[in-house]
Amino acid sequence: MAKSTFYHAGCPVCVNAEEELLGLIDKSEVDIIHLGESKNRIADAEKAGVKSVPALVTPTGNVLHINFGASLEDV
Protein backbone atom coordinates (compact mmCIF):
# COMPACT_ATOMS: atom_id res chain seq x y z
CA MET A 1 0.00 0.00 0.00
CA ALA A 2 1.35 3.43 -0.91
CA LYS A 3 2.06 5.91 1.85
CA SER A 4 1.15 9.54 2.19
CA THR A 5 4.00 12.02 2.57
CA PHE A 6 3.83 14.88 5.07
CA TYR A 7 6.21 17.75 4.35
CA HIS A 8 7.00 20.36 6.98
CA ALA A 9 9.66 22.85 8.01
CA GLY A 10 9.70 22.43 11.79
CA CYS A 11 7.88 25.69 12.59
CA PRO A 12 5.22 25.70 15.33
CA VAL A 13 2.39 25.54 12.75
CA CYS A 14 4.06 22.53 11.11
CA VAL A 15 4.76 20.72 14.37
CA ASN A 16 1.14 21.19 15.47
CA ALA A 17 -0.11 19.87 12.12
CA GLU A 18 2.20 16.84 12.42
CA GLU A 19 0.91 16.06 15.91
CA GLU A 20 -2.70 16.35 14.76
CA LEU A 21 -2.04 14.25 11.66
CA LEU A 22 -0.42 11.47 13.65
CA GLY A 23 -3.50 11.42 15.85
CA LEU A 24 -5.52 10.59 12.73
CA ILE A 25 -3.18 8.50 10.59
CA ASP A 26 -0.96 5.68 11.81
CA LYS A 27 2.72 6.65 11.58
CA SER A 28 3.39 3.54 9.48
CA GLU A 29 1.13 4.97 6.76
CA VAL A 30 2.89 8.33 6.35
CA ASP A 31 6.44 9.42 5.60
CA ILE A 32 7.31 12.60 7.50
CA ILE A 33 9.84 14.84 5.75
CA HIS A 34 11.33 17.80 7.64
CA LEU A 35 12.48 20.02 4.77
CA GLY A 36 14.56 22.20 7.08
CA GLU A 37 16.70 19.16 7.89
CA SER A 38 16.40 17.44 4.49
CA LYS A 39 16.79 20.27 1.99
CA ASN A 40 17.63 17.69 -0.69
CA ARG A 41 13.94 16.66 -0.57
CA ILE A 42 12.60 20.14 -1.50
CA ALA A 43 12.74 19.21 -5.20
CA ASP A 44 10.61 16.12 -4.47
CA ALA A 45 8.04 18.30 -2.69
CA GLU A 46 7.97 20.79 -5.57
CA LYS A 47 7.58 17.98 -8.11
CA ALA A 48 4.63 16.64 -6.10
CA GLY A 49 2.96 20.06 -6.24
CA VAL A 50 3.68 21.32 -2.74
CA LYS A 51 3.63 25.13 -2.62
CA SER A 52 3.78 25.64 1.15
CA VAL A 53 4.22 23.62 4.30
CA PRO A 54 2.78 21.90 6.15
CA ALA A 55 1.35 19.78 3.35
CA LEU A 56 0.22 16.21 2.96
CA VAL A 57 0.63 14.42 -0.37
CA THR A 58 -1.79 11.50 -0.58
CA PRO A 59 -0.99 8.18 -2.25
CA THR A 60 -3.12 9.29 -5.23
CA GLY A 61 -0.99 12.42 -5.65
CA ASN A 62 -3.38 14.99 -4.21
CA VAL A 63 -1.66 17.78 -2.27
CA LEU A 64 -3.45 18.93 0.86
CA HIS A 65 -2.00 22.22 2.05
CA ILE A 66 -2.64 22.45 5.78
CA ASN A 67 -2.84 25.91 7.33
CA PHE A 68 0.21 27.99 6.37
CA GLY A 69 3.61 27.74 7.97
CA ALA A 70 6.00 28.73 5.19
CA SER A 71 6.25 28.78 1.42
CA LEU A 72 8.78 26.39 -0.10
CA GLU A 73 10.76 29.43 -1.23
CA ASP A 74 11.23 30.36 2.45
CA VAL A 75 12.45 26.89 3.42
PDB file of N, CA and C in Angstrom:
ATOM      1  N   MET A   1       0.843  -1.182   0.000  1.00  0.00           N
ATOM      2  CA  MET A   1       0.000   0.000   0.000  1.00  0.00           C
ATOM      3  C   MET A   1       0.885   1.240   0.000  1.00  0.00           C
ATOM      4  N   ALA A   2       0.568   2.187  -0.835  1.00  0.00           N
ATOM      5  CA  ALA A   2       1.346   3.425  -0.913  1.00  0.00           C
ATOM      6  C   ALA A   2       1.112   4.281   0.324  1.00  0.00           C
ATOM      7  N   LYS A   3       2.136   5.029   0.687  1.00  0.00           N
ATOM      8  CA  LYS A   3       2.057   5.906   1.851  1.00  0.00           C
ATOM      9  C   LYS A   3       1.769   7.332   1.417  1.00  0.00           C
ATOM     10  N   SER A   4       1.232   8.095   2.357  1.00  0.00           N
ATOM     11  CA  SER A   4       1.147   9.541   2.194  1.00  0.00           C
ATOM     12  C   SER A   4       2.496  10.113   2.601  1.00  0.00           C
ATOM     13  N   THR A   5       2.772  11.340   2.172  1.00  0.00           N
ATOM     14  CA  THR A   5       3.997  12.018   2.574  1.00  0.00           C
ATOM     15  C   THR A   5       3.618  13.365   3.168  1.00  0.00           C
ATOM     16  N   PHE A   6       4.094  13.620   4.379  1.00  0.00           N
ATOM     17  CA  PHE A   6       3.830  14.875   5.067  1.00  0.00           C
ATOM     18  C   PHE A   6       5.119  15.686   5.058  1.00  0.00           C
ATOM     19  N   TYR A   7       5.059  16.849   4.420  1.00  0.00           N
ATOM     20  CA  TYR A   7       6.214  17.748   4.354  1.00  0.00           C
ATOM     21  C   TYR A   7       6.014  18.891   5.342  1.00  0.00           C
ATOM     22  N   HIS A   8       7.074  19.219   6.074  1.00  0.00           N
ATOM     23  CA  HIS A   8       6.999  20.362   6.982  1.00  0.00           C
ATOM     24  C   HIS A   8       8.378  20.979   7.153  1.00  0.00           C
ATOM     25  N   ALA A   9       8.403  22.124   7.842  1.00  0.00           N
ATOM     26  CA  ALA A   9       9.662  22.855   8.014  1.00  0.00           C
ATOM     27  C   ALA A   9      10.074  22.992   9.474  1.00  0.00           C
ATOM     28  N   GLY A  10       9.328  22.387  10.377  1.00  0.00           N
ATOM     29  CA  GLY A  10       9.702  22.428  11.788  1.00  0.00           C
ATOM     30  C   GLY A  10       9.180  23.626  12.558  1.00  0.00           C
ATOM     31  N   CYS A  11       8.440  24.513  11.903  1.00  0.00           N
ATOM     32  CA  CYS A  11       7.884  25.686  12.593  1.00  0.00           C
ATOM     33  C   CYS A  11       6.740  25.236  13.511  1.00  0.00           C
ATOM     34  N   PRO A  12       6.301  26.089  14.429  1.00  0.00           N
ATOM     35  CA  PRO A  12       5.216  25.699  15.334  1.00  0.00           C
ATOM     36  C   PRO A  12       3.935  25.263  14.609  1.00  0.00           C
ATOM     37  N   VAL A  13       3.573  25.928  13.518  1.00  0.00           N
ATOM     38  CA  VAL A  13       2.393  25.536  12.751  1.00  0.00           C
ATOM     39  C   VAL A  13       2.578  24.119  12.202  1.00  0.00           C
ATOM     40  N   CYS A  14       3.766  23.844  11.677  1.00  0.00           N
ATOM     41  CA  CYS A  14       4.061  22.532  11.105  1.00  0.00           C
ATOM     42  C   CYS A  14       4.069  21.431  12.161  1.00  0.00           C
ATOM     43  N   VAL A  15       4.681  21.714  13.293  1.00  0.00           N
ATOM     44  CA  VAL A  15       4.757  20.723  14.374  1.00  0.00           C
ATOM     45  C   VAL A  15       3.356  20.394  14.881  1.00  0.00           C
ATOM     46  N   ASN A  16       2.516  21.418  15.033  1.00  0.00           N
ATOM     47  CA  ASN A  16       1.143  21.190  15.470  1.00  0.00           C
ATOM     48  C   ASN A  16       0.390  20.342  14.447  1.00  0.00           C
ATOM     49  N   ALA A  17       0.554  20.648  13.171  1.00  0.00           N
ATOM     50  CA  ALA A  17      -0.110  19.866  12.120  1.00  0.00           C
ATOM     51  C   ALA A  17       0.371  18.418  12.134  1.00  0.00           C
ATOM     52  N   GLU A  18       1.664  18.211  12.353  1.00  0.00           N
ATOM     53  CA  GLU A  18       2.203  16.845  12.421  1.00  0.00           C
ATOM     54  C   GLU A  18       1.576  16.083  13.577  1.00  0.00           C
ATOM     55  N   GLU A  19       1.495  16.712  14.740  1.00  0.00           N
ATOM     56  CA  GLU A  19       0.909  16.059  15.911  1.00  0.00           C
ATOM     57  C   GLU A  19      -0.551  15.688  15.655  1.00  0.00           C
ATOM     58  N   GLU A  20      -1.300  16.611  15.063  1.00  0.00           N
ATOM     59  CA  GLU A  20      -2.705  16.346  14.759  1.00  0.00           C
ATOM     60  C   GLU A  20      -2.840  15.223  13.729  1.00  0.00           C
ATOM     61  N   LEU A  21      -2.005  15.264  12.712  1.00  0.00           N
ATOM     62  CA  LEU A  21      -2.036  14.252  11.662  1.00  0.00           C
ATOM     63  C   LEU A  21      -1.768  12.866  12.229  1.00  0.00           C
ATOM     64  N   LEU A  22      -0.764  12.774  13.084  1.00  0.00           N
ATOM     65  CA  LEU A  22      -0.417  11.470  13.648  1.00  0.00           C
ATOM     66  C   LEU A  22      -1.471  10.968  14.623  1.00  0.00           C
ATOM     67  N   GLY A  23      -2.363  11.851  15.062  1.00  0.00           N
ATOM     68  CA  GLY A  23      -3.503  11.417  15.851  1.00  0.00           C
ATOM     69  C   GLY A  23      -4.597  10.810  14.974  1.00  0.00           C
ATOM     70  N   LEU A  24      -4.512  11.076  13.671  1.00  0.00           N
ATOM     71  CA  LEU A  24      -5.519  10.595  12.727  1.00  0.00           C
ATOM     72  C   LEU A  24      -5.031   9.449  11.849  1.00  0.00           C
ATOM     73  N   ILE A  25      -3.762   9.480  11.507  1.00  0.00           N
ATOM     74  CA  ILE A  25      -3.180   8.496  10.589  1.00  0.00           C
ATOM     75  C   ILE A  25      -2.046   7.772  11.304  1.00  0.00           C
ATOM     76  N   ASP A  26      -2.032   6.461  11.207  1.00  0.00           N
ATOM     77  CA  ASP A  26      -0.962   5.676  11.814  1.00  0.00           C
ATOM     78  C   ASP A  26       0.379   6.062  11.199  1.00  0.00           C
ATOM     79  N   LYS A  27       1.388   6.219  12.033  1.00  0.00           N
ATOM     80  CA  LYS A  27       2.717   6.651  11.577  1.00  0.00           C
ATOM     81  C   LYS A  27       3.283   5.729  10.499  1.00  0.00           C
ATOM     82  N   SER A  28       2.888   4.469  10.502  1.00  0.00           N
ATOM     83  CA  SER A  28       3.387   3.538   9.484  1.00  0.00           C
ATOM     84  C   SER A  28       2.812   3.819   8.100  1.00  0.00           C
ATOM     85  N   GLU A  29       1.776   4.674   8.027  1.00  0.00           N
ATOM     86  CA  GLU A  29       1.132   4.971   6.758  1.00  0.00           C
ATOM     87  C   GLU A  29       1.539   6.314   6.177  1.00  0.00           C
ATOM     88  N   VAL A  30       2.484   7.004   6.827  1.00  0.00           N
ATOM     89  CA  VAL A  30       2.888   8.328   6.348  1.00  0.00           C
ATOM     90  C   VAL A  30       4.396   8.511   6.528  1.00  0.00           C
ATOM     91  N   ASP A  31       5.037   9.037   5.497  1.00  0.00           N
ATOM     92  CA  ASP A  31       6.438   9.425   5.596  1.00  0.00           C
ATOM     93  C   ASP A  31       6.464  10.894   5.999  1.00  0.00           C
ATOM     94  N   ILE A  32       7.219  11.219   7.030  1.00  0.00           N
ATOM     95  CA  ILE A  32       7.313  12.596   7.497  1.00  0.00           C
ATOM     96  C   ILE A  32       8.660  13.152   7.077  1.00  0.00           C
ATOM     97  N   ILE A  33       8.623  14.233   6.286  1.00  0.00           N
ATOM     98  CA  ILE A  33       9.837  14.839   5.755  1.00  0.00           C
ATOM     99  C   ILE A  33       9.978  16.254   6.311  1.00  0.00           C
ATOM    100  N   HIS A  34      11.013  16.477   7.090  1.00  0.00           N
ATOM    101  CA  HIS A  34      11.330  17.804   7.636  1.00  0.00           C
ATOM    102  C   HIS A  34      12.260  18.469   6.631  1.00  0.00           C
ATOM    103  N   LEU A  35      11.703  19.402   5.851  1.00  0.00           N
ATOM    104  CA  LEU A  35      12.478  20.017   4.773  1.00  0.00           C
ATOM    105  C   LEU A  35      13.591  20.925   5.278  1.00  0.00           C
ATOM    106  N   GLY A  36      13.483  21.405   6.507  1.00  0.00           N
ATOM    107  CA  GLY A  36      14.558  22.203   7.080  1.00  0.00           C
ATOM    108  C   GLY A  36      15.797  21.366   7.341  1.00  0.00           C
ATOM    109  N   GLU A  37      15.588  20.084   7.621  1.00  0.00           N
ATOM    110  CA  GLU A  37      16.697  19.163   7.886  1.00  0.00           C
ATOM    111  C   GLU A  37      17.079  18.351   6.652  1.00  0.00           C
ATOM    112  N   SER A  38      16.161  18.236   5.704  1.00  0.00           N
ATOM    113  CA  SER A  38      16.404  17.438   4.493  1.00  0.00           C
ATOM    114  C   SER A  38      16.148  18.299   3.261  1.00  0.00           C
ATOM    115  N   LYS A  39      16.981  19.326   3.098  1.00  0.00           N
ATOM    116  CA  LYS A  39      16.790  20.265   1.988  1.00  0.00           C
ATOM    117  C   LYS A  39      16.876  19.574   0.628  1.00  0.00           C
ATOM    118  N   ASN A  40      17.538  18.438   0.561  1.00  0.00           N
ATOM    119  CA  ASN A  40      17.626  17.687  -0.686  1.00  0.00           C
ATOM    120  C   ASN A  40      16.274  17.120  -1.120  1.00  0.00           C
ATOM    121  N   ARG A  41      15.270  17.162  -0.242  1.00  0.00           N
ATOM    122  CA  ARG A  41      13.935  16.663  -0.569  1.00  0.00           C
ATOM    123  C   ARG A  41      12.983  17.761  -1.060  1.00  0.00           C
ATOM    124  N   ILE A  42      13.450  19.033  -1.052  1.00  0.00           N
ATOM    125  CA  ILE A  42      12.601  20.136  -1.503  1.00  0.00           C
ATOM    126  C   ILE A  42      12.174  19.929  -2.955  1.00  0.00           C
ATOM    127  N   ALA A  43      13.081  19.462  -3.791  1.00  0.00           N
ATOM    128  CA  ALA A  43      12.737  19.212  -5.201  1.00  0.00           C
ATOM    129  C   ALA A  43      11.632  18.164  -5.319  1.00  0.00           C
ATOM    130  N   ASP A  44      11.662  17.142  -4.466  1.00  0.00           N
ATOM    131  CA  ASP A  44      10.610  16.123  -4.468  1.00  0.00           C
ATOM    132  C   ASP A  44       9.263  16.752  -4.119  1.00  0.00           C
ATOM    133  N   ALA A  45       9.274  17.630  -3.116  1.00  0.00           N
ATOM    134  CA  ALA A  45       8.038  18.296  -2.692  1.00  0.00           C
ATOM    135  C   ALA A  45       7.498  19.176  -3.821  1.00  0.00           C
ATOM    136  N   GLU A  46       8.386  19.927  -4.457  1.00  0.00           N
ATOM    137  CA  GLU A  46       7.967  20.788  -5.569  1.00  0.00           C
ATOM    138  C   GLU A  46       7.387  19.959  -6.715  1.00  0.00           C
ATOM    139  N   LYS A  47       8.044  18.857  -7.033  1.00  0.00           N
ATOM    140  CA  LYS A  47       7.581  17.979  -8.115  1.00  0.00           C
ATOM    141  C   LYS A  47       6.200  17.404  -7.803  1.00  0.00           C
ATOM    142  N   ALA A  48       5.933  17.172  -6.519  1.00  0.00           N
ATOM    143  CA  ALA A  48       4.634  16.636  -6.105  1.00  0.00           C
ATOM    144  C   ALA A  48       3.545  17.701  -6.113  1.00  0.00           C
ATOM    145  N   GLY A  49       3.940  18.989  -6.209  1.00  0.00           N
ATOM    146  CA  GLY A  49       2.962  20.062  -6.242  1.00  0.00           C
ATOM    147  C   GLY A  49       2.825  20.848  -4.957  1.00  0.00           C
ATOM    148  N   VAL A  50       3.717  20.598  -4.016  1.00  0.00           N
ATOM    149  CA  VAL A  50       3.677  21.318  -2.744  1.00  0.00           C
ATOM    150  C   VAL A  50       4.124  22.757  -2.967  1.00  0.00           C
ATOM    151  N   LYS A  51       3.316  23.702  -2.495  1.00  0.00           N
ATOM    152  CA  LYS A  51       3.625  25.127  -2.615  1.00  0.00           C
ATOM    153  C   LYS A  51       4.013  25.740  -1.279  1.00  0.00           C
ATOM    154  N   SER A  52       3.482  25.156  -0.195  1.00  0.00           N
ATOM    155  CA  SER A  52       3.779  25.644   1.148  1.00  0.00           C
ATOM    156  C   SER A  52       3.692  24.475   2.120  1.00  0.00           C
ATOM    157  N   VAL A  53       4.273  24.657   3.266  1.00  0.00           N
ATOM    158  CA  VAL A  53       4.224  23.623   4.299  1.00  0.00           C
ATOM    159  C   VAL A  53       3.524  24.188   5.529  1.00  0.00           C
ATOM    160  N   PRO A  54       2.875  23.348   6.271  1.00  0.00           N
ATOM    161  CA  PRO A  54       2.776  21.896   6.150  1.00  0.00           C
ATOM    162  C   PRO A  54       1.845  21.472   5.013  1.00  0.00           C
ATOM    163  N   ALA A  55       2.174  20.331   4.422  1.00  0.00           N
ATOM    164  CA  ALA A  55       1.353  19.781   3.348  1.00  0.00           C
ATOM    165  C   ALA A  55       1.426  18.260   3.375  1.00  0.00           C
ATOM    166  N   LEU A  56       0.310  17.663   3.031  1.00  0.00           N
ATOM    167  CA  LEU A  56       0.225  16.207   2.955  1.00  0.00           C
ATOM    168  C   LEU A  56      -0.019  15.826   1.503  1.00  0.00           C
ATOM    169  N   VAL A  57       0.820  14.951   0.975  1.00  0.00           N
ATOM    170  CA  VAL A  57       0.627  14.417  -0.370  1.00  0.00           C
ATOM    171  C   VAL A  57       0.073  13.010  -0.203  1.00  0.00           C
ATOM    172  N   THR A  58      -1.125  12.796  -0.736  1.00  0.00           N
ATOM    173  CA  THR A  58      -1.788  11.501  -0.577  1.00  0.00           C
ATOM    174  C   THR A  58      -1.215  10.478  -1.561  1.00  0.00           C
ATOM    175  N   PRO A  59      -1.492   9.202  -1.328  1.00  0.00           N
ATOM    176  CA  PRO A  59      -0.995   8.179  -2.246  1.00  0.00           C
ATOM    177  C   PRO A  59      -1.477   8.363  -3.689  1.00  0.00           C
ATOM    178  N   THR A  60      -2.598   9.055  -3.874  1.00  0.00           N
ATOM    179  CA  THR A  60      -3.117   9.292  -5.226  1.00  0.00           C
ATOM    180  C   THR A  60      -2.520  10.543  -5.855  1.00  0.00           C
ATOM    181  N   GLY A  61      -1.660  11.253  -5.107  1.00  0.00           N
ATOM    182  CA  GLY A  61      -0.985  12.423  -5.653  1.00  0.00           C
ATOM    183  C   GLY A  61      -1.644  13.751  -5.339  1.00  0.00           C
ATOM    184  N   ASN A  62      -2.748  13.736  -4.610  1.00  0.00           N
ATOM    185  CA  ASN A  62      -3.378  14.986  -4.211  1.00  0.00           C
ATOM    186  C   ASN A  62      -2.542  15.677  -3.142  1.00  0.00           C
ATOM    187  N   VAL A  63      -2.420  16.995  -3.248  1.00  0.00           N
ATOM    188  CA  VAL A  63      -1.663  17.775  -2.266  1.00  0.00           C
ATOM    189  C   VAL A  63      -2.658  18.520  -1.392  1.00  0.00           C
ATOM    190  N   LEU A  64      -2.591  18.259  -0.101  1.00  0.00           N
ATOM    191  CA  LEU A  64      -3.451  18.932   0.858  1.00  0.00           C
ATOM    192  C   LEU A  64      -2.597  19.916   1.641  1.00  0.00           C
ATOM    193  N   HIS A  65      -2.742  21.187   1.332  1.00  0.00           N
ATOM    194  CA  HIS A  65      -1.996  22.221   2.047  1.00  0.00           C
ATOM    195  C   HIS A  65      -2.739  22.498   3.354  1.00  0.00           C
ATOM    196  N   ILE A  66      -2.045  22.348   4.455  1.00  0.00           N
ATOM    197  CA  ILE A  66      -2.638  22.446   5.784  1.00  0.00           C
ATOM    198  C   ILE A  66      -2.185  23.753   6.431  1.00  0.00           C
ATOM    199  N   ASN A  67      -3.166  24.639   6.702  1.00  0.00           N
ATOM    200  CA  ASN A  67      -2.843  25.912   7.328  1.00  0.00           C
ATOM    201  C   ASN A  67      -1.759  26.597   6.499  1.00  0.00           C
ATOM    202  N   PHE A  68      -0.909  27.394   7.088  1.00  0.00           N
ATOM    203  CA  PHE A  68       0.212  27.985   6.368  1.00  0.00           C
ATOM    204  C   PHE A  68       1.340  28.240   7.342  1.00  0.00           C
ATOM    205  N   GLY A  69       2.442  27.560   7.140  1.00  0.00           N
ATOM    206  CA  GLY A  69       3.615  27.740   7.972  1.00  0.00           C
ATOM    207  C   GLY A  69       4.683  28.508   7.232  1.00  0.00           C
ATOM    208  N   ALA A  70       4.971  28.085   6.002  1.00  0.00           N
ATOM    209  CA  ALA A  70       6.003  28.735   5.193  1.00  0.00           C
ATOM    210  C   ALA A  70       5.873  28.303   3.744  1.00  0.00           C
ATOM    211  N   SER A  71       6.213  29.177   2.823  1.00  0.00           N
ATOM    212  CA  SER A  71       6.253  28.777   1.419  1.00  0.00           C
ATOM    213  C   SER A  71       7.540  27.975   1.203  1.00  0.00           C
ATOM    214  N   LEU A  72       7.569  27.168   0.164  1.00  0.00           N
ATOM    215  CA  LEU A  72       8.783  26.388  -0.105  1.00  0.00           C
ATOM    216  C   LEU A  72       9.958  27.313  -0.392  1.00  0.00           C
ATOM    217  N   GLU A  73       9.691  28.478  -0.953  1.00  0.00           N
ATOM    218  CA  GLU A  73      10.764  29.429  -1.234  1.00  0.00           C
ATOM    219  C   GLU A  73      11.432  29.901   0.057  1.00  0.00           C
ATOM    220  N   ASP A  74      10.686  29.913   1.168  1.00  0.00           N
ATOM    221  CA  ASP A  74      11.234  30.357   2.452  1.00  0.00           C
ATOM    222  C   ASP A  74      12.001  29.263   3.180  1.00  0.00           C
ATOM    223  N   VAL A  75      11.781  28.014   2.762  1.00  0.00           N
ATOM    224  CA  VAL A  75      12.449  26.886   3.421  1.00  0.00           C
ATOM    225  C   VAL A  75      13.824  26.829   2.857  1.00  0.00           C
TER     226      VAL A  75
END
